[in-house]
N, C-alpha and C. Protein backbone atom coordinates (compact mmCIF):
# COMPACT_ATOMS: atom_id res chain seq x y z
N MET A 1 53.30 -107.58 74.44
CA MET A 1 53.73 -107.57 76.06
C MET A 1 53.04 -106.82 77.08
N SER A 2 52.15 -107.38 77.17
CA SER A 2 50.79 -106.83 78.28
C SER A 2 51.57 -106.53 79.98
N ASP A 3 51.68 -107.62 80.55
CA ASP A 3 52.12 -107.55 81.79
C ASP A 3 54.25 -106.80 81.75
N VAL A 4 53.65 -106.67 83.49
CA VAL A 4 55.61 -106.44 83.55
C VAL A 4 55.96 -106.96 84.45
N VAL A 5 56.90 -107.20 83.99
CA VAL A 5 58.16 -108.16 84.35
C VAL A 5 59.39 -108.09 84.95
N THR A 6 59.11 -108.38 86.28
CA THR A 6 60.49 -107.71 87.37
C THR A 6 61.76 -108.67 87.81
N LEU A 7 62.87 -108.78 87.71
CA LEU A 7 63.83 -109.02 88.14
C LEU A 7 64.76 -108.80 88.37
N ARG A 8 65.49 -109.70 90.14
CA ARG A 8 65.82 -108.68 90.34
C ARG A 8 67.15 -109.84 90.57
N TYR A 9 67.86 -109.06 90.48
CA TYR A 9 69.80 -109.91 90.66
C TYR A 9 70.06 -109.15 92.51
N ASP A 10 71.17 -110.22 93.68
CA ASP A 10 71.59 -109.84 94.64
C ASP A 10 73.52 -109.85 94.10
N VAL A 11 73.59 -108.43 93.86
CA VAL A 11 75.49 -108.13 93.56
C VAL A 11 76.68 -108.25 95.10
N ILE A 12 77.10 -108.77 94.77
CA ILE A 12 78.37 -109.32 96.06
C ILE A 12 79.10 -108.44 96.20
N PRO A 13 79.54 -107.37 97.12
CA PRO A 13 80.62 -106.28 96.96
C PRO A 13 82.38 -107.75 97.10
N GLY A 14 82.80 -107.34 95.98
CA GLY A 14 84.17 -107.98 95.64
C GLY A 14 84.12 -108.88 94.27
N ASP A 15 83.19 -110.01 94.63
CA ASP A 15 82.53 -111.31 93.24
C ASP A 15 83.10 -110.67 92.14
N PHE A 16 84.44 -110.92 91.96
CA PHE A 16 84.54 -110.29 90.57
C PHE A 16 84.37 -111.60 89.31
N ILE A 17 83.91 -112.97 90.07
CA ILE A 17 83.12 -114.19 89.58
C ILE A 17 82.29 -114.24 89.26
N LYS A 18 81.31 -113.51 89.06
CA LYS A 18 79.76 -114.12 89.29
C LYS A 18 79.67 -112.23 88.43
N ALA A 19 80.10 -111.28 89.30
CA ALA A 19 79.91 -110.32 87.85
C ALA A 19 79.47 -110.53 86.96
N GLY A 20 78.18 -109.04 86.74
CA GLY A 20 78.11 -109.53 85.18
C GLY A 20 77.06 -111.14 85.31
N GLU A 21 76.67 -111.43 85.80
CA GLU A 21 75.82 -112.67 85.71
C GLU A 21 74.69 -112.48 85.72
N ALA A 22 73.93 -111.34 86.41
CA ALA A 22 73.00 -110.51 85.99
C ALA A 22 72.25 -109.74 85.31
N SER A 23 74.01 -108.96 84.22
CA SER A 23 73.28 -108.51 83.14
C SER A 23 74.19 -109.17 82.16
N SER A 24 73.78 -110.68 82.06
CA SER A 24 74.07 -111.35 81.41
C SER A 24 72.57 -112.40 81.22
N ASP A 25 71.85 -112.08 82.32
CA ASP A 25 70.88 -112.81 82.80
C ASP A 25 68.91 -111.89 82.09
N VAL A 26 69.69 -110.71 82.53
CA VAL A 26 68.79 -110.05 81.72
C VAL A 26 68.52 -110.01 79.66
N LYS A 27 69.85 -110.14 79.44
CA LYS A 27 70.14 -110.05 77.58
C LYS A 27 69.15 -111.05 77.48
N LYS A 28 69.35 -112.81 77.58
CA LYS A 28 68.52 -113.83 77.05
C LYS A 28 67.22 -113.15 77.53
N LYS A 29 66.43 -112.94 79.12
CA LYS A 29 65.27 -112.08 78.46
C LYS A 29 65.07 -111.58 78.43
N LEU A 30 65.77 -111.26 77.94
CA LEU A 30 65.50 -109.78 76.87
C LEU A 30 64.62 -110.60 75.34
N MET A 31 65.96 -111.21 75.29
CA MET A 31 65.88 -112.01 74.23
C MET A 31 65.12 -112.47 73.77
N ASP A 32 64.94 -113.13 75.10
CA ASP A 32 62.83 -114.77 74.70
C ASP A 32 61.97 -113.61 74.52
N ILE A 33 61.86 -112.49 75.01
CA ILE A 33 61.20 -111.39 74.95
C ILE A 33 60.60 -110.95 72.80
N GLY A 34 62.03 -111.45 72.74
CA GLY A 34 62.36 -110.51 72.12
C GLY A 34 62.36 -109.36 71.86
N ILE A 35 62.72 -108.58 72.86
CA ILE A 35 62.86 -106.99 71.93
C ILE A 35 64.24 -107.07 71.43
N SER A 36 64.39 -105.41 71.05
CA SER A 36 65.19 -105.24 69.93
C SER A 36 65.96 -105.72 69.85
N PRO A 37 67.17 -106.26 69.17
CA PRO A 37 68.61 -106.28 69.60
C PRO A 37 69.14 -104.90 69.95
N ASP A 38 68.93 -103.63 69.20
CA ASP A 38 69.51 -102.64 69.30
C ASP A 38 69.13 -102.52 71.90
N VAL A 39 68.05 -102.19 71.83
CA VAL A 39 67.27 -102.40 72.97
C VAL A 39 68.08 -103.10 74.04
N ILE A 40 68.46 -104.43 74.10
CA ILE A 40 68.93 -104.96 74.37
C ILE A 40 70.81 -104.86 74.34
N ARG A 41 71.29 -104.29 73.82
CA ARG A 41 72.84 -104.23 73.42
C ARG A 41 72.83 -103.14 74.39
N LYS A 42 72.28 -101.75 74.68
CA LYS A 42 72.14 -101.16 75.21
C LYS A 42 71.89 -101.52 76.96
N THR A 43 71.07 -101.96 76.76
CA THR A 43 70.00 -102.66 78.59
C THR A 43 71.59 -102.87 78.84
N ALA A 44 72.40 -104.40 78.21
CA ALA A 44 73.29 -104.87 78.78
C ALA A 44 74.05 -104.12 79.21
N ILE A 45 74.40 -103.40 78.83
CA ILE A 45 76.15 -101.93 78.43
C ILE A 45 75.26 -101.18 79.95
N ALA A 46 74.53 -100.81 79.64
CA ALA A 46 74.37 -99.42 81.21
C ALA A 46 73.81 -100.54 82.83
N MET A 47 73.59 -101.69 82.58
CA MET A 47 73.69 -102.53 83.83
C MET A 47 74.46 -103.79 84.10
N TYR A 48 75.48 -103.92 82.63
CA TYR A 48 76.84 -104.48 82.86
C TYR A 48 77.71 -103.29 83.51
N GLU A 49 77.88 -102.50 83.45
CA GLU A 49 78.47 -100.81 83.97
C GLU A 49 78.60 -101.70 86.05
N GLY A 50 76.71 -100.72 85.88
CA GLY A 50 76.47 -100.50 87.21
C GLY A 50 76.28 -101.64 88.15
N GLU A 51 76.35 -103.29 87.46
CA GLU A 51 76.81 -103.98 88.05
C GLU A 51 78.51 -103.97 88.95
N ILE A 52 79.08 -103.55 87.71
CA ILE A 52 80.60 -103.86 88.37
C ILE A 52 80.81 -102.43 88.96
N ASN A 53 80.16 -101.21 88.96
CA ASN A 53 80.48 -100.55 89.49
C ASN A 53 80.20 -100.56 91.57
N MET A 54 79.36 -100.99 91.60
CA MET A 54 78.37 -101.95 92.69
C MET A 54 79.61 -103.77 93.02
N VAL A 55 79.97 -104.14 92.58
CA VAL A 55 80.59 -105.20 92.90
C VAL A 55 82.57 -104.42 94.07
N ILE A 56 83.19 -102.85 92.88
CA ILE A 56 84.35 -102.82 93.25
C ILE A 56 83.98 -101.31 94.57
N HIS A 57 83.31 -100.55 94.32
CA HIS A 57 83.01 -99.94 95.17
C HIS A 57 82.08 -99.76 96.50
N SER A 58 81.11 -100.73 96.20
CA SER A 58 79.56 -101.03 97.48
C SER A 58 80.33 -102.35 98.46
N LEU A 59 79.16 -102.28 99.85
CA LEU A 59 79.29 -103.24 100.46
C LEU A 59 77.91 -104.17 99.99
N GLY A 60 78.30 -104.26 98.73
CA GLY A 60 76.62 -105.16 98.07
C GLY A 60 75.81 -104.42 98.54
N GLY A 61 74.23 -104.96 97.48
CA GLY A 61 73.28 -103.94 97.20
C GLY A 61 72.33 -105.23 96.28
N TYR A 62 71.51 -104.89 95.04
CA TYR A 62 70.92 -104.84 94.45
C TYR A 62 70.32 -105.06 93.18
N ALA A 63 69.86 -105.05 92.28
CA ALA A 63 69.68 -104.88 90.86
C ALA A 63 68.18 -105.36 91.07
N GLU A 64 67.43 -104.35 90.26
CA GLU A 64 66.25 -104.75 89.81
C GLU A 64 66.29 -104.08 88.81
N ILE A 65 64.47 -105.09 88.15
CA ILE A 65 64.76 -103.87 86.20
C ILE A 65 64.13 -104.72 85.40
N SER A 66 62.45 -103.96 85.36
CA SER A 66 61.67 -103.72 84.99
C SER A 66 61.28 -103.22 83.56
N ILE A 67 60.52 -104.60 82.71
CA ILE A 67 60.12 -104.42 81.64
C ILE A 67 59.19 -104.56 81.51
N TYR A 68 58.34 -103.08 80.98
CA TYR A 68 57.26 -102.87 80.58
C TYR A 68 57.65 -102.83 78.59
N PRO A 69 56.18 -103.14 78.18
CA PRO A 69 55.92 -102.20 76.84
C PRO A 69 56.70 -101.18 76.04
N ASN A 70 56.78 -100.80 76.68
CA ASN A 70 57.74 -99.18 76.42
C ASN A 70 58.85 -99.03 76.74
N GLU A 71 59.27 -98.95 78.04
CA GLU A 71 60.26 -99.21 78.13
C GLU A 71 60.75 -100.43 79.64
N ILE A 72 61.60 -99.73 79.33
CA ILE A 72 62.51 -101.37 80.45
C ILE A 72 64.30 -100.27 81.86
N THR A 73 62.68 -100.55 83.36
CA THR A 73 63.84 -99.75 83.12
C THR A 73 64.96 -100.92 84.54
N ILE A 74 66.04 -100.64 85.24
CA ILE A 74 66.36 -100.51 85.16
C ILE A 74 66.88 -99.84 86.71
N LEU A 75 66.64 -100.29 88.07
CA LEU A 75 67.14 -99.74 89.58
C LEU A 75 67.96 -100.27 90.25
N LEU A 76 69.75 -99.55 90.50
CA LEU A 76 70.44 -100.50 91.45
C LEU A 76 70.94 -99.35 92.18
N VAL A 77 71.22 -100.24 93.35
CA VAL A 77 70.36 -99.57 94.88
C VAL A 77 71.31 -100.15 95.63
N ASP A 78 72.68 -100.13 95.97
CA ASP A 78 73.61 -100.22 97.21
C ASP A 78 73.63 -99.26 98.56
N ASN A 79 74.16 -100.72 98.81
CA ASN A 79 74.54 -99.81 101.03
C ASN A 79 76.51 -100.04 100.17
N GLY A 80 76.82 -99.11 101.20
CA GLY A 80 78.03 -98.44 100.99
C GLY A 80 78.77 -96.87 101.10
N PRO A 81 79.89 -96.89 100.88
CA PRO A 81 80.44 -95.52 100.79
C PRO A 81 79.94 -94.37 100.52
N GLY A 82 78.94 -94.18 99.32
CA GLY A 82 78.04 -93.26 98.63
C GLY A 82 79.12 -93.25 97.24
N ILE A 83 79.18 -91.77 97.43
CA ILE A 83 79.58 -90.63 96.79
C ILE A 83 79.46 -88.95 96.21
N ASP A 84 80.73 -88.81 97.03
CA ASP A 84 81.14 -87.42 97.36
C ASP A 84 80.82 -86.71 96.46
N ASN A 85 80.68 -87.04 95.11
CA ASN A 85 80.74 -85.66 93.85
C ASN A 85 79.80 -86.40 92.60
N VAL A 86 78.98 -86.13 92.89
CA VAL A 86 78.70 -87.28 91.29
C VAL A 86 78.71 -86.70 90.34
N GLU A 87 78.72 -85.64 89.99
CA GLU A 87 78.84 -84.49 89.08
C GLU A 87 80.69 -85.34 88.90
N GLN A 88 81.38 -85.39 89.08
CA GLN A 88 82.74 -85.53 88.88
C GLN A 88 82.20 -87.21 88.89
N ALA A 89 82.02 -88.05 89.09
CA ALA A 89 81.57 -89.17 88.90
C ALA A 89 81.17 -89.88 87.62
N MET A 90 80.85 -88.32 87.07
CA MET A 90 80.26 -89.15 86.20
C MET A 90 81.42 -88.57 84.40
N SER A 91 82.08 -87.18 85.10
CA SER A 91 83.77 -87.40 84.11
C SER A 91 83.88 -88.88 83.69
N ALA A 92 83.89 -88.30 82.62
CA ALA A 92 84.54 -90.02 81.48
C ALA A 92 85.77 -89.89 81.82
N GLY A 93 87.08 -91.16 82.51
CA GLY A 93 88.09 -90.81 82.97
C GLY A 93 88.64 -90.95 84.99
N PHE A 94 87.38 -90.50 85.58
CA PHE A 94 87.43 -90.46 87.06
C PHE A 94 87.10 -91.16 87.28
N THR A 95 87.74 -92.78 88.07
CA THR A 95 87.37 -93.12 88.69
C THR A 95 88.39 -92.89 90.25
N THR A 96 88.29 -93.89 91.38
CA THR A 96 88.30 -93.29 92.52
C THR A 96 88.96 -95.27 92.73
N ALA A 97 88.26 -96.48 91.59
CA ALA A 97 89.30 -97.50 92.26
C ALA A 97 90.53 -97.31 92.44
N PRO A 98 90.72 -98.77 92.73
CA PRO A 98 91.87 -99.03 93.95
C PRO A 98 93.24 -99.34 92.26
N ASP A 99 93.74 -99.98 93.20
CA ASP A 99 94.97 -99.52 92.23
C ASP A 99 95.21 -101.46 91.83
N ASP A 100 94.77 -102.42 92.77
CA ASP A 100 94.53 -103.60 92.68
C ASP A 100 93.12 -103.76 91.13
N ILE A 101 92.35 -103.14 92.01
CA ILE A 101 90.76 -102.84 90.95
C ILE A 101 91.61 -103.14 89.55
N ARG A 102 91.59 -101.86 89.25
CA ARG A 102 91.79 -101.49 87.96
C ARG A 102 93.60 -102.17 87.26
N GLU A 103 93.49 -103.54 88.05
CA GLU A 103 95.17 -104.05 87.54
C GLU A 103 94.97 -104.92 87.10
N LEU A 104 93.28 -104.82 87.30
CA LEU A 104 92.14 -106.22 86.64
C LEU A 104 91.69 -106.12 85.77
N GLY A 105 91.83 -104.58 84.76
CA GLY A 105 91.22 -103.71 83.66
C GLY A 105 90.33 -103.14 84.63
N PHE A 106 89.59 -103.05 85.74
CA PHE A 106 88.23 -102.21 85.61
C PHE A 106 88.63 -100.55 86.24
N GLY A 107 87.31 -100.27 86.80
CA GLY A 107 88.70 -99.06 87.08
C GLY A 107 88.19 -98.57 86.04
N ALA A 108 88.05 -97.76 85.20
CA ALA A 108 88.86 -97.67 84.01
C ALA A 108 88.21 -96.49 84.16
N GLY A 109 87.55 -95.45 84.95
CA GLY A 109 86.60 -94.53 84.42
C GLY A 109 85.26 -94.24 84.07
N MET A 110 84.16 -95.48 83.08
CA MET A 110 83.50 -95.12 82.08
C MET A 110 82.38 -95.66 82.42
N GLY A 111 82.66 -96.15 83.28
CA GLY A 111 81.01 -96.88 83.85
C GLY A 111 79.93 -96.05 84.03
N PHE A 112 80.01 -95.06 84.48
CA PHE A 112 78.87 -93.66 84.87
C PHE A 112 78.75 -93.19 83.77
N PRO A 113 79.71 -92.73 82.29
CA PRO A 113 79.47 -92.27 81.41
C PRO A 113 78.92 -93.12 79.75
N ASN A 114 78.85 -94.47 80.68
CA ASN A 114 78.53 -95.54 79.64
C ASN A 114 77.61 -95.64 79.73
N MET A 115 77.06 -95.56 80.89
CA MET A 115 75.56 -95.75 81.53
C MET A 115 74.70 -94.24 81.30
N LYS A 116 74.90 -93.40 81.22
CA LYS A 116 74.68 -92.14 80.82
C LYS A 116 74.29 -92.47 79.09
N LYS A 117 75.22 -93.19 79.13
CA LYS A 117 75.49 -93.10 76.83
C LYS A 117 74.23 -94.72 76.44
N TYR A 118 73.89 -94.86 78.12
CA TYR A 118 73.28 -96.38 76.19
C TYR A 118 71.80 -95.78 76.86
N THR A 119 71.53 -94.92 77.92
CA THR A 119 69.91 -95.36 78.91
C THR A 119 69.48 -93.76 79.02
N ASP A 120 68.07 -93.80 77.77
CA ASP A 120 67.73 -92.93 77.54
C ASP A 120 67.14 -91.88 78.79
N GLU A 121 66.99 -92.05 80.14
CA GLU A 121 67.19 -91.30 80.81
C GLU A 121 67.90 -92.46 82.71
N MET A 122 68.76 -91.34 83.70
CA MET A 122 69.24 -92.17 84.25
C MET A 122 69.73 -90.66 85.77
N ILE A 123 68.85 -91.63 86.82
CA ILE A 123 69.48 -90.42 87.91
C ILE A 123 69.92 -90.92 88.91
N VAL A 124 70.67 -90.20 89.56
CA VAL A 124 71.32 -91.11 90.73
C VAL A 124 71.55 -90.06 91.90
N GLU A 125 72.19 -91.09 92.53
CA GLU A 125 70.83 -90.01 94.05
C GLU A 125 72.04 -90.86 95.30
N SER A 126 72.31 -89.52 95.99
CA SER A 126 73.58 -91.38 96.88
C SER A 126 74.23 -89.95 97.92
N GLN A 127 74.33 -90.52 98.86
CA GLN A 127 74.70 -89.81 99.85
C GLN A 127 76.30 -90.88 100.43
N PRO A 128 76.75 -89.75 100.95
CA PRO A 128 77.85 -90.20 101.21
C PRO A 128 77.89 -91.50 102.69
N GLY A 129 78.41 -92.32 102.79
CA GLY A 129 78.70 -93.21 104.15
C GLY A 129 76.94 -94.10 104.30
N ILE A 130 76.72 -94.66 103.54
CA ILE A 130 75.20 -94.72 103.78
C ILE A 130 75.55 -95.62 101.95
N GLY A 131 75.28 -94.75 100.72
CA GLY A 131 74.74 -95.65 99.66
C GLY A 131 74.93 -95.14 98.06
N THR A 132 74.34 -95.55 96.91
CA THR A 132 74.04 -94.49 96.18
C THR A 132 72.80 -95.26 95.69
N ARG A 133 71.44 -94.68 94.49
CA ARG A 133 70.81 -95.59 93.77
C ARG A 133 70.85 -95.13 92.81
N VAL A 134 70.89 -95.81 91.66
CA VAL A 134 70.63 -95.59 90.30
C VAL A 134 69.85 -95.87 88.89
N MET A 135 68.76 -95.78 88.55
CA MET A 135 67.78 -95.32 88.21
C MET A 135 68.25 -94.57 86.66
N MET A 136 68.05 -95.68 85.85
CA MET A 136 68.08 -96.04 84.73
C MET A 136 66.73 -96.79 83.42
N LYS A 137 66.72 -95.98 82.57
CA LYS A 137 65.08 -96.38 81.99
C LYS A 137 66.28 -96.12 80.39
N VAL A 138 65.71 -97.35 79.47
CA VAL A 138 66.10 -97.57 77.86
C VAL A 138 64.60 -96.97 77.67
N ASN A 139 64.46 -96.48 76.66
CA ASN A 139 63.10 -96.64 75.90
C ASN A 139 63.04 -98.11 74.81
N ILE A 140 61.04 -98.54 75.14
CA ILE A 140 61.87 -99.91 73.79
C ILE A 140 61.53 -99.11 72.85
C-alpha cells in the first residue's frame, strides 16, 4: 500500500443506534486492504471505545482515520464539556457517565484505559467547556 487512505465519520451525541458503525466500517476497510488481524483488532477496539465516549459525553464530533503503510492514526475530535482531569479520566473504573447510560451497559470507566492499552501511542488534549481531541496510533 503506497497511498494514504483517509476515512472520516461524524459522531452524533446520544445516538446509540449508530454508535459503533464507524469502527465497524473501519474494521471492514482494514480487512479489505489486507491488514493483519491483530492490528485490525487493536484499531477496532480503540476506535469503538473512543466513538462510544463521544456518543456519551460530547455534543458531537468526528473520527478521522488515516491508514499509512506503517501505521494507522485515529483522530477523534469533539465539541463538548471537555475533560477536567485527563489523568483521572485515564484511570480504570473512573466514569462521569450518568446512571441512565450505565444502565444501558456503557460508561464503566474502561474507555480511555482500553484505548491506551490497544494503541502504540495516545495523546489526549482537552479544554473544559470547549472539547476534546484524541490522537491514537497503531503500528502496522
